[in-house]
Amino acid sequence: MGKLFNLKKWMTVADAAQHLTNIFGEDVTKADVLRLALDGRLRLSIFVAYGCMYAKRVHKAPIPEFLTAKSENFSFFTNADWVHAVVVDQVFRLTGLLDLPMIDLDRLEIENEYRRMTNETRLMRVSGSLFYVEDAGQLYALYDQLDHQFSMEIDCPATVDEVMRRSAGTDYTETVELPEHPSSTVNPVNH
């Protein structure tokens, strides 16, 4: 897979396991590839070959002071100095190769797949968690479009942007699991 490997933008987890087996001269399994990704040694991506994934932009925001303050009744502890803030007024359609930043449900999904492969107990999801992806350095949270048929009363002279902002706030919900069609991939450029 030497010369061909250098031409690929991405490969499947199984192809990555085979490639690492050839490099190391010892058996590397798909579970090993997932563990390497969970440990930050490889970058996992998903490849959306058809259709799209809906997403909202995310930016880092400072943690509000009240979450780090102490009082006699409570104290909050954090090991970070920022939180992820979702920009809720715009929805993007993402396709192609999307990196998994491994920070929330995206990490849990890979961890649970690793645990399934190694016959370990799966971890539980925490309410309020999100799936994240990165595209061209921008962080996004994944959302599902609600299935209902909707009609929106438009106040003239509403712009298309105003209508889309209203729709972004009401017609999408947080993704609770990755759809079946994206393939988990390893991006050879990033390892």
N, C-alpha and C. Protein backbone atom coordinates (compact mmCIF):
# COMPACT_ATOMS: atom_id res chain seq x y z
N MET A 1 0.83 -1.19 0.00
CA MET A 1 0.00 0.00 0.00
C MET A 1 0.87 1.26 0.00
N GLY A 2 2.19 1.13 -0.21
CA GLY A 2 3.12 2.24 -0.10
C GLY A 2 2.81 3.44 -0.97
N LYS A 3 2.94 3.32 -2.30
CA LYS A 3 2.74 4.47 -3.19
C LYS A 3 1.27 4.87 -3.23
N LEU A 4 0.39 3.91 -3.25
CA LEU A 4 -1.04 4.20 -3.26
C LEU A 4 -1.45 4.94 -1.99
N PHE A 5 -0.87 4.53 -0.86
CA PHE A 5 -1.16 5.19 0.42
C PHE A 5 -0.87 6.68 0.35
N ASN A 6 0.23 7.05 -0.29
CA ASN A 6 0.62 8.46 -0.38
C ASN A 6 -0.35 9.29 -1.22
N LEU A 7 -1.13 8.64 -2.09
CA LEU A 7 -2.07 9.36 -2.94
C LEU A 7 -3.44 9.53 -2.30
N LYS A 8 -3.73 8.73 -1.29
CA LYS A 8 -5.06 8.76 -0.69
C LYS A 8 -5.24 9.95 0.24
N LYS A 9 -6.44 10.57 0.16
CA LYS A 9 -6.80 11.62 1.11
C LYS A 9 -7.34 11.02 2.39
N TRP A 10 -7.91 9.82 2.30
CA TRP A 10 -8.45 9.13 3.47
C TRP A 10 -8.45 7.64 3.19
N MET A 11 -8.60 6.87 4.26
CA MET A 11 -8.71 5.41 4.14
C MET A 11 -9.65 4.92 5.22
N THR A 12 -10.19 3.73 5.01
CA THR A 12 -11.07 3.16 6.01
C THR A 12 -10.26 2.75 7.23
N VAL A 13 -10.95 2.51 8.32
CA VAL A 13 -10.28 2.04 9.53
C VAL A 13 -9.59 0.69 9.25
N ALA A 14 -10.27 -0.18 8.49
CA ALA A 14 -9.67 -1.48 8.14
C ALA A 14 -8.40 -1.30 7.30
N ASP A 15 -8.42 -0.37 6.33
CA ASP A 15 -7.22 -0.09 5.53
C ASP A 15 -6.09 0.46 6.40
N ALA A 16 -6.43 1.32 7.36
CA ALA A 16 -5.42 1.87 8.26
C ALA A 16 -4.81 0.77 9.10
N ALA A 17 -5.63 -0.18 9.58
CA ALA A 17 -5.11 -1.30 10.37
C ALA A 17 -4.15 -2.12 9.53
N GLN A 18 -4.50 -2.38 8.27
CA GLN A 18 -3.62 -3.15 7.38
C GLN A 18 -2.32 -2.40 7.11
N HIS A 19 -2.43 -1.10 6.86
CA HIS A 19 -1.23 -0.29 6.61
C HIS A 19 -0.29 -0.28 7.82
N LEU A 20 -0.86 -0.11 9.01
CA LEU A 20 -0.03 -0.12 10.23
C LEU A 20 0.56 -1.51 10.49
N THR A 21 -0.18 -2.56 10.14
CA THR A 21 0.36 -3.92 10.24
C THR A 21 1.60 -4.05 9.36
N ASN A 22 1.52 -3.53 8.14
CA ASN A 22 2.67 -3.59 7.23
C ASN A 22 3.86 -2.78 7.76
N ILE A 23 3.59 -1.62 8.32
CA ILE A 23 4.66 -0.77 8.84
C ILE A 23 5.33 -1.39 10.06
N PHE A 24 4.52 -1.85 11.02
CA PHE A 24 5.04 -2.34 12.29
C PHE A 24 5.48 -3.80 12.24
N GLY A 25 5.03 -4.53 11.24
CA GLY A 25 5.39 -5.95 11.16
C GLY A 25 4.70 -6.79 12.22
N GLU A 26 3.62 -6.29 12.77
CA GLU A 26 2.83 -7.05 13.73
C GLU A 26 1.36 -6.72 13.49
N ASP A 27 0.48 -7.62 13.93
CA ASP A 27 -0.94 -7.48 13.66
C ASP A 27 -1.51 -6.24 14.36
N VAL A 28 -2.14 -5.36 13.59
CA VAL A 28 -2.84 -4.20 14.12
C VAL A 28 -4.31 -4.37 13.72
N THR A 29 -5.21 -4.33 14.68
CA THR A 29 -6.63 -4.53 14.43
C THR A 29 -7.35 -3.19 14.26
N LYS A 30 -8.60 -3.25 13.82
CA LYS A 30 -9.42 -2.04 13.74
C LYS A 30 -9.59 -1.44 15.14
N ALA A 31 -9.72 -2.29 16.16
CA ALA A 31 -9.83 -1.78 17.54
C ALA A 31 -8.56 -1.03 17.93
N ASP A 32 -7.39 -1.50 17.49
CA ASP A 32 -6.14 -0.79 17.78
C ASP A 32 -6.15 0.59 17.13
N VAL A 33 -6.65 0.69 15.91
CA VAL A 33 -6.72 1.98 15.22
C VAL A 33 -7.63 2.93 15.99
N LEU A 34 -8.78 2.43 16.44
CA LEU A 34 -9.68 3.28 17.22
C LEU A 34 -9.04 3.73 18.53
N ARG A 35 -8.31 2.82 19.20
CA ARG A 35 -7.64 3.18 20.45
C ARG A 35 -6.58 4.25 20.19
N LEU A 36 -5.84 4.13 19.09
CA LEU A 36 -4.84 5.15 18.74
C LEU A 36 -5.51 6.50 18.51
N ALA A 37 -6.68 6.48 17.89
CA ALA A 37 -7.42 7.74 17.69
C ALA A 37 -7.91 8.31 19.02
N LEU A 38 -8.44 7.45 19.88
CA LEU A 38 -8.91 7.90 21.19
C LEU A 38 -7.77 8.47 22.03
N ASP A 39 -6.57 7.94 21.82
CA ASP A 39 -5.39 8.42 22.55
C ASP A 39 -4.74 9.63 21.88
N GLY A 40 -5.34 10.12 20.78
CA GLY A 40 -4.82 11.30 20.11
C GLY A 40 -3.66 11.04 19.16
N ARG A 41 -3.41 9.79 18.80
CA ARG A 41 -2.28 9.45 17.93
C ARG A 41 -2.65 9.43 16.45
N LEU A 42 -3.94 9.29 16.14
CA LEU A 42 -4.45 9.33 14.77
C LEU A 42 -5.68 10.22 14.74
N ARG A 43 -5.94 10.83 13.60
CA ARG A 43 -7.13 11.67 13.42
C ARG A 43 -8.18 10.86 12.68
N LEU A 44 -9.35 10.68 13.31
CA LEU A 44 -10.47 10.01 12.65
C LEU A 44 -11.35 11.06 11.98
N SER A 45 -11.95 10.64 10.89
CA SER A 45 -12.88 11.49 10.16
C SER A 45 -14.07 10.64 9.77
N ILE A 46 -15.12 11.30 9.32
CA ILE A 46 -16.21 10.59 8.67
C ILE A 46 -16.29 11.12 7.25
N PHE A 47 -16.66 10.26 6.34
CA PHE A 47 -16.78 10.65 4.94
C PHE A 47 -18.24 10.57 4.54
N VAL A 48 -18.83 11.71 4.24
CA VAL A 48 -20.22 11.77 3.81
C VAL A 48 -20.20 11.80 2.28
N ALA A 49 -20.42 10.63 1.68
CA ALA A 49 -20.29 10.48 0.23
C ALA A 49 -21.52 10.99 -0.51
N TYR A 50 -22.68 10.88 0.09
CA TYR A 50 -23.90 11.36 -0.54
C TYR A 50 -24.78 11.99 0.54
N GLY A 51 -25.69 12.82 0.11
CA GLY A 51 -26.51 13.54 1.08
C GLY A 51 -25.67 14.58 1.80
N CYS A 52 -26.11 14.94 2.97
CA CYS A 52 -25.37 15.93 3.76
C CYS A 52 -25.68 15.74 5.22
N MET A 53 -24.91 16.41 6.05
CA MET A 53 -25.17 16.47 7.48
C MET A 53 -25.43 17.94 7.80
N TYR A 54 -26.47 18.18 8.59
CA TYR A 54 -26.79 19.55 8.99
C TYR A 54 -25.99 19.89 10.25
N ALA A 55 -25.52 21.12 10.30
CA ALA A 55 -24.67 21.51 11.42
C ALA A 55 -24.80 23.00 11.70
N LYS A 56 -24.50 23.33 12.95
CA LYS A 56 -24.44 24.73 13.36
C LYS A 56 -23.02 25.02 13.82
N ARG A 57 -22.56 26.21 13.47
CA ARG A 57 -21.20 26.63 13.83
C ARG A 57 -21.03 26.70 15.34
N VAL A 58 -19.83 26.40 15.81
CA VAL A 58 -19.50 26.43 17.23
C VAL A 58 -18.26 27.30 17.41
N HIS A 59 -18.25 28.07 18.46
CA HIS A 59 -17.04 28.81 18.80
C HIS A 59 -16.76 28.63 20.29
N LYS A 60 -15.53 28.91 20.66
CA LYS A 60 -15.15 28.82 22.07
C LYS A 60 -15.53 30.12 22.76
N ALA A 61 -16.10 29.97 23.94
CA ALA A 61 -16.48 31.13 24.74
C ALA A 61 -15.90 30.96 26.14
N PRO A 62 -15.53 32.07 26.79
CA PRO A 62 -15.02 31.96 28.16
C PRO A 62 -16.09 31.38 29.08
N ILE A 63 -15.65 30.63 30.07
CA ILE A 63 -16.59 30.09 31.06
C ILE A 63 -17.11 31.24 31.91
N PRO A 64 -18.44 31.35 32.04
CA PRO A 64 -18.99 32.44 32.87
C PRO A 64 -18.45 32.35 34.30
N GLU A 65 -18.22 33.49 34.89
CA GLU A 65 -17.61 33.55 36.22
C GLU A 65 -18.42 32.78 37.27
N PHE A 66 -19.76 32.81 37.16
CA PHE A 66 -20.57 32.12 38.18
C PHE A 66 -20.34 30.61 38.15
N LEU A 67 -19.85 30.06 37.04
CA LEU A 67 -19.57 28.62 36.99
C LEU A 67 -18.23 28.26 37.63
N THR A 68 -17.39 29.23 37.84
CA THR A 68 -16.10 28.96 38.48
C THR A 68 -16.04 29.52 39.89
N ALA A 69 -17.10 30.21 40.31
CA ALA A 69 -17.12 30.83 41.63
C ALA A 69 -17.37 29.78 42.72
N LYS A 70 -16.93 30.07 43.90
CA LYS A 70 -17.16 29.19 45.06
C LYS A 70 -18.05 29.91 46.06
N SER A 71 -18.88 29.15 46.72
CA SER A 71 -19.67 29.70 47.83
C SER A 71 -19.73 28.62 48.89
N GLU A 72 -20.37 28.91 50.00
CA GLU A 72 -20.41 27.89 51.05
C GLU A 72 -21.35 26.75 50.71
N ASN A 73 -22.28 26.94 49.75
CA ASN A 73 -23.22 25.89 49.38
C ASN A 73 -22.78 25.05 48.19
N PHE A 74 -21.92 25.58 47.36
CA PHE A 74 -21.51 24.83 46.17
C PHE A 74 -20.21 25.37 45.63
N SER A 75 -19.60 24.57 44.77
CA SER A 75 -18.46 25.05 43.98
C SER A 75 -18.43 24.26 42.68
N PHE A 76 -18.07 24.92 41.63
CA PHE A 76 -17.94 24.28 40.32
C PHE A 76 -16.46 24.10 40.05
N PHE A 77 -16.13 22.97 39.47
CA PHE A 77 -14.74 22.71 39.13
C PHE A 77 -14.64 22.51 37.63
N THR A 78 -13.61 23.01 37.04
CA THR A 78 -13.38 22.81 35.62
C THR A 78 -11.88 22.77 35.38
N ASN A 79 -11.48 22.02 34.36
CA ASN A 79 -10.07 21.99 33.98
C ASN A 79 -9.86 22.73 32.68
N ALA A 80 -10.86 23.46 32.24
CA ALA A 80 -10.75 24.24 31.00
C ALA A 80 -11.09 25.69 31.31
N ASP A 81 -10.66 26.58 30.42
CA ASP A 81 -11.00 27.97 30.62
C ASP A 81 -11.92 28.47 29.51
N TRP A 82 -12.58 27.56 28.79
CA TRP A 82 -13.54 27.91 27.76
C TRP A 82 -14.59 26.81 27.64
N VAL A 83 -15.71 27.16 27.02
CA VAL A 83 -16.78 26.21 26.73
C VAL A 83 -17.13 26.35 25.25
N HIS A 84 -17.83 25.37 24.71
CA HIS A 84 -18.29 25.45 23.33
C HIS A 84 -19.64 26.15 23.31
N ALA A 85 -19.77 27.16 22.46
CA ALA A 85 -21.04 27.88 22.32
C ALA A 85 -21.53 27.70 20.89
N VAL A 86 -22.73 27.16 20.75
CA VAL A 86 -23.30 26.92 19.42
C VAL A 86 -23.97 28.19 18.92
N VAL A 87 -23.65 28.57 17.69
CA VAL A 87 -24.29 29.71 17.03
C VAL A 87 -25.58 29.17 16.43
N VAL A 88 -26.71 29.55 17.01
CA VAL A 88 -27.97 28.87 16.70
C VAL A 88 -28.75 29.46 15.52
N ASP A 89 -28.30 30.56 14.95
CA ASP A 89 -29.14 31.21 13.94
C ASP A 89 -28.79 30.85 12.50
N GLN A 90 -27.97 29.83 12.29
CA GLN A 90 -27.64 29.45 10.93
C GLN A 90 -27.32 27.96 10.87
N VAL A 91 -27.83 27.29 9.85
CA VAL A 91 -27.58 25.86 9.65
C VAL A 91 -26.78 25.69 8.37
N PHE A 92 -25.76 24.84 8.44
CA PHE A 92 -24.91 24.56 7.29
C PHE A 92 -25.14 23.12 6.84
N ARG A 93 -24.94 22.86 5.56
CA ARG A 93 -25.00 21.51 5.01
C ARG A 93 -23.57 21.09 4.72
N LEU A 94 -23.11 20.05 5.42
CA LEU A 94 -21.73 19.59 5.29
C LEU A 94 -21.69 18.27 4.53
N THR A 95 -20.71 18.13 3.66
CA THR A 95 -20.49 16.89 2.91
C THR A 95 -18.99 16.63 2.84
N GLY A 96 -18.64 15.45 2.34
CA GLY A 96 -17.24 15.13 2.14
C GLY A 96 -16.57 14.65 3.42
N LEU A 97 -15.29 14.95 3.54
CA LEU A 97 -14.48 14.49 4.66
C LEU A 97 -14.57 15.47 5.83
N LEU A 98 -15.07 15.00 6.97
CA LEU A 98 -15.26 15.82 8.16
C LEU A 98 -14.49 15.19 9.31
N ASP A 99 -13.60 15.94 9.92
CA ASP A 99 -12.79 15.42 11.03
C ASP A 99 -13.62 15.31 12.31
N LEU A 100 -13.31 14.30 13.12
CA LEU A 100 -13.92 14.14 14.44
C LEU A 100 -12.97 14.72 15.48
N PRO A 101 -13.35 15.81 16.15
CA PRO A 101 -12.45 16.42 17.13
C PRO A 101 -12.34 15.63 18.43
N MET A 102 -13.22 14.62 18.62
CA MET A 102 -13.16 13.73 19.79
C MET A 102 -13.32 14.49 21.10
N ILE A 103 -14.42 15.27 21.21
CA ILE A 103 -14.62 16.06 22.41
C ILE A 103 -15.93 15.80 23.14
N ASP A 104 -16.86 15.07 22.53
CA ASP A 104 -18.15 14.87 23.20
C ASP A 104 -18.75 13.56 22.69
N LEU A 105 -19.97 13.59 22.14
CA LEU A 105 -20.57 12.36 21.64
C LEU A 105 -19.77 11.74 20.50
N ASP A 106 -19.07 12.57 19.74
CA ASP A 106 -18.21 12.03 18.69
C ASP A 106 -17.14 11.11 19.30
N ARG A 107 -16.57 11.50 20.43
CA ARG A 107 -15.60 10.65 21.13
C ARG A 107 -16.29 9.43 21.74
N LEU A 108 -17.45 9.64 22.34
CA LEU A 108 -18.17 8.53 22.97
C LEU A 108 -18.55 7.47 21.95
N GLU A 109 -18.96 7.88 20.76
CA GLU A 109 -19.31 6.93 19.70
C GLU A 109 -18.11 6.04 19.35
N ILE A 110 -16.94 6.64 19.23
CA ILE A 110 -15.73 5.87 18.90
C ILE A 110 -15.33 5.00 20.09
N GLU A 111 -15.41 5.55 21.30
CA GLU A 111 -15.09 4.77 22.50
C GLU A 111 -15.99 3.55 22.61
N ASN A 112 -17.28 3.72 22.36
CA ASN A 112 -18.21 2.60 22.46
C ASN A 112 -17.99 1.58 21.34
N GLU A 113 -17.61 2.03 20.16
CA GLU A 113 -17.28 1.08 19.09
C GLU A 113 -16.03 0.28 19.47
N TYR A 114 -15.04 0.95 20.04
CA TYR A 114 -13.84 0.26 20.53
C TYR A 114 -14.22 -0.77 21.60
N ARG A 115 -15.07 -0.36 22.54
CA ARG A 115 -15.50 -1.27 23.61
C ARG A 115 -16.30 -2.45 23.06
N ARG A 116 -17.11 -2.21 22.02
CA ARG A 116 -17.85 -3.31 21.39
C ARG A 116 -16.87 -4.32 20.79
N MET A 117 -15.83 -3.81 20.11
CA MET A 117 -14.85 -4.68 19.47
C MET A 117 -14.02 -5.47 20.47
N THR A 118 -13.83 -4.90 21.65
CA THR A 118 -12.99 -5.56 22.67
C THR A 118 -13.82 -6.19 23.79
N ASN A 119 -15.12 -6.31 23.55
CA ASN A 119 -16.04 -6.95 24.51
C ASN A 119 -16.02 -6.30 25.89
N GLU A 120 -15.97 -4.99 25.92
CA GLU A 120 -16.03 -4.24 27.18
C GLU A 120 -17.40 -3.59 27.30
N THR A 121 -17.74 -3.15 28.51
CA THR A 121 -19.01 -2.50 28.77
C THR A 121 -19.05 -1.13 28.11
N ARG A 122 -20.15 -0.86 27.44
CA ARG A 122 -20.32 0.44 26.78
C ARG A 122 -20.56 1.54 27.81
N LEU A 123 -20.18 2.75 27.47
CA LEU A 123 -20.41 3.92 28.31
C LEU A 123 -21.76 4.53 27.99
N MET A 124 -22.38 5.13 28.97
CA MET A 124 -23.69 5.76 28.80
C MET A 124 -23.54 7.18 28.27
N ARG A 125 -24.53 7.60 27.51
CA ARG A 125 -24.56 8.98 27.02
C ARG A 125 -25.06 9.91 28.11
N VAL A 126 -24.58 11.14 28.07
CA VAL A 126 -25.00 12.16 29.02
C VAL A 126 -25.95 13.11 28.29
N SER A 127 -27.06 13.42 28.91
CA SER A 127 -28.03 14.33 28.31
C SER A 127 -27.37 15.68 28.02
N GLY A 128 -27.72 16.25 26.90
CA GLY A 128 -27.19 17.57 26.54
C GLY A 128 -25.89 17.51 25.78
N SER A 129 -25.38 16.33 25.52
CA SER A 129 -24.13 16.20 24.77
C SER A 129 -24.40 16.37 23.28
N LEU A 130 -23.37 16.73 22.54
CA LEU A 130 -23.50 16.97 21.10
C LEU A 130 -22.44 16.19 20.33
N PHE A 131 -22.76 15.90 19.07
CA PHE A 131 -21.77 15.38 18.13
C PHE A 131 -21.10 16.57 17.47
N TYR A 132 -19.78 16.55 17.44
CA TYR A 132 -19.02 17.63 16.81
C TYR A 132 -18.24 17.09 15.63
N VAL A 133 -18.05 17.95 14.63
CA VAL A 133 -17.16 17.68 13.51
C VAL A 133 -16.40 18.96 13.21
N GLU A 134 -15.29 18.80 12.50
CA GLU A 134 -14.53 19.96 12.02
C GLU A 134 -14.46 19.90 10.51
N ASP A 135 -14.61 21.06 9.89
CA ASP A 135 -14.48 21.17 8.45
C ASP A 135 -13.66 22.42 8.17
N ALA A 136 -12.51 22.24 7.54
CA ALA A 136 -11.62 23.36 7.21
C ALA A 136 -11.30 24.20 8.45
N GLY A 137 -11.08 23.54 9.59
CA GLY A 137 -10.70 24.23 10.81
C GLY A 137 -11.85 24.81 11.61
N GLN A 138 -13.07 24.79 11.07
CA GLN A 138 -14.23 25.31 11.78
C GLN A 138 -14.92 24.17 12.52
N LEU A 139 -15.25 24.39 13.78
CA LEU A 139 -15.94 23.40 14.59
C LEU A 139 -17.45 23.56 14.39
N TYR A 140 -18.15 22.42 14.24
CA TYR A 140 -19.60 22.40 14.06
C TYR A 140 -20.22 21.39 15.01
N ALA A 141 -21.46 21.65 15.44
CA ALA A 141 -22.29 20.67 16.15
C ALA A 141 -23.30 20.15 15.15
N LEU A 142 -23.50 18.82 15.13
CA LEU A 142 -24.42 18.22 14.17
C LEU A 142 -25.86 18.32 14.65
N TYR A 143 -26.76 18.55 13.71
CA TYR A 143 -28.19 18.68 13.98
C TYR A 143 -28.97 17.86 12.96
N ASP A 144 -30.14 17.39 13.36
CA ASP A 144 -31.05 16.69 12.46
C ASP A 144 -32.19 17.63 12.12
N GLN A 145 -32.62 17.58 10.87
CA GLN A 145 -33.78 18.36 10.48
C GLN A 145 -35.02 17.61 10.94
N LEU A 146 -35.93 18.32 11.58
CA LEU A 146 -37.18 17.71 12.03
C LEU A 146 -37.99 17.27 10.81
N ASP A 147 -38.71 16.18 10.95
CA ASP A 147 -39.42 15.58 9.82
C ASP A 147 -40.74 16.25 9.49
N HIS A 148 -41.21 17.14 10.33
CA HIS A 148 -42.53 17.69 10.08
C HIS A 148 -42.54 18.65 8.89
N GLN A 149 -43.68 18.70 8.24
CA GLN A 149 -43.89 19.70 7.19
C GLN A 149 -44.17 21.01 7.92
N PHE A 150 -43.50 22.05 7.52
CA PHE A 150 -43.74 23.30 8.23
C PHE A 150 -44.11 24.41 7.26
N SER A 151 -44.85 25.34 7.78
CA SER A 151 -45.12 26.55 7.02
C SER A 151 -44.78 27.70 7.95
N MET A 152 -44.29 28.74 7.38
CA MET A 152 -43.86 29.86 8.19
C MET A 152 -44.54 31.12 7.66
N GLU A 153 -45.14 31.84 8.56
CA GLU A 153 -45.74 33.11 8.17
C GLU A 153 -44.61 34.12 8.05
N ILE A 154 -44.52 34.73 6.90
CA ILE A 154 -43.42 35.66 6.64
C ILE A 154 -43.96 37.08 6.69
N ASP A 155 -43.34 37.85 7.57
CA ASP A 155 -43.69 39.27 7.64
C ASP A 155 -42.91 40.01 6.57
N CYS A 156 -43.61 40.59 5.63
CA CYS A 156 -42.92 41.38 4.61
C CYS A 156 -42.41 42.65 5.26
N PRO A 157 -41.28 43.11 4.96
CA PRO A 157 -40.34 42.61 3.97
C PRO A 157 -39.26 41.72 4.61
N ALA A 158 -39.59 40.55 5.09
CA ALA A 158 -38.60 39.64 5.67
C ALA A 158 -37.62 39.19 4.57
N THR A 159 -36.38 39.11 4.94
CA THR A 159 -35.37 38.66 3.98
C THR A 159 -35.23 37.15 4.10
N VAL A 160 -34.61 36.55 3.11
CA VAL A 160 -34.35 35.12 3.14
C VAL A 160 -33.51 34.78 4.36
N ASP A 161 -32.54 35.63 4.70
CA ASP A 161 -31.70 35.39 5.88
C ASP A 161 -32.54 35.33 7.15
N GLU A 162 -33.52 36.22 7.29
CA GLU A 162 -34.37 36.22 8.48
C GLU A 162 -35.20 34.95 8.55
N VAL A 163 -35.73 34.51 7.42
CA VAL A 163 -36.52 33.28 7.38
C VAL A 163 -35.64 32.09 7.75
N MET A 164 -34.42 32.03 7.22
CA MET A 164 -33.51 30.93 7.51
C MET A 164 -33.09 30.93 8.98
N ARG A 165 -32.91 32.09 9.58
CA ARG A 165 -32.56 32.16 11.00
C ARG A 165 -33.69 31.61 11.86
N ARG A 166 -34.93 31.97 11.53
CA ARG A 166 -36.06 31.44 12.27
C ARG A 166 -36.13 29.92 12.15
N SER A 167 -35.93 29.42 10.94
CA SER A 167 -35.95 27.98 10.69
C SER A 167 -34.84 27.29 11.46
N ALA A 168 -33.65 27.87 11.51
CA ALA A 168 -32.52 27.27 12.22
C ALA A 168 -32.82 27.10 13.70
N GLY A 169 -33.60 28.00 14.25
CA GLY A 169 -33.91 27.92 15.67
C GLY A 169 -35.05 26.98 16.02
N THR A 170 -35.89 26.64 15.03
CA THR A 170 -37.08 25.84 15.35
C THR A 170 -37.19 24.52 14.62
N ASP A 171 -36.50 24.35 13.51
CA ASP A 171 -36.72 23.18 12.66
C ASP A 171 -35.59 22.16 12.71
N TYR A 172 -34.70 22.29 13.67
CA TYR A 172 -33.58 21.36 13.81
C TYR A 172 -33.41 20.98 15.28
N THR A 173 -32.93 19.77 15.51
CA THR A 173 -32.68 19.28 16.86
C THR A 173 -31.31 18.62 16.90
N GLU A 174 -30.72 18.54 18.09
CA GLU A 174 -29.39 17.97 18.22
C GLU A 174 -29.37 16.53 17.71
N THR A 175 -28.31 16.18 17.00
CA THR A 175 -28.11 14.81 16.52
C THR A 175 -27.81 13.92 17.72
N VAL A 176 -28.51 12.79 17.82
CA VAL A 176 -28.27 11.88 18.95
C VAL A 176 -27.46 10.66 18.54
N GLU A 177 -27.35 10.40 17.24
CA GLU A 177 -26.45 9.34 16.78
C GLU A 177 -26.08 9.63 15.35
N LEU A 178 -24.90 9.17 14.98
CA LEU A 178 -24.45 9.38 13.61
C LEU A 178 -25.31 8.57 12.65
N PRO A 179 -25.65 9.15 11.50
CA PRO A 179 -26.43 8.39 10.53
C PRO A 179 -25.60 7.23 9.98
N GLU A 180 -26.26 6.28 9.37
CA GLU A 180 -25.61 5.07 8.88
C GLU A 180 -24.67 5.32 7.71
N HIS A 181 -24.95 6.32 6.86
CA HIS A 181 -24.19 6.43 5.63
C HIS A 181 -22.76 6.94 5.73
N PRO A 182 -22.38 7.79 6.71
CA PRO A 182 -20.97 8.19 6.73
C PRO A 182 -20.07 7.02 7.10
N SER A 183 -18.90 6.96 6.47
CA SER A 183 -17.91 5.94 6.77
C SER A 183 -16.87 6.53 7.71
N SER A 184 -16.47 5.78 8.74
CA SER A 184 -15.37 6.22 9.58
C SER A 184 -14.10 6.05 8.78
N THR A 185 -13.25 7.05 8.80
CA THR A 185 -12.03 7.03 8.02
C THR A 185 -10.86 7.50 8.86
N VAL A 186 -9.67 7.23 8.39
CA VAL A 186 -8.46 7.76 8.98
C VAL A 186 -7.84 8.68 7.94
N ASN A 187 -7.47 9.87 8.35
CA ASN A 187 -6.90 10.84 7.43
C ASN A 187 -5.37 10.73 7.51
N PRO A 188 -4.72 10.15 6.47
CA PRO A 188 -3.28 9.94 6.55
C PRO A 188 -2.46 11.21 6.60
N VAL A 189 -3.01 12.33 6.14
CA VAL A 189 -2.30 13.59 6.16
C VAL A 189 -2.00 14.03 7.57
N ASN A 190 -2.88 13.68 8.53
CA ASN A 190 -2.77 14.17 9.90
C ASN A 190 -2.06 13.22 10.86
N HIS A 191 -1.45 12.14 10.40
CA HIS A 191 -0.80 11.26 11.36
C HIS A 191 0.70 11.25 11.19
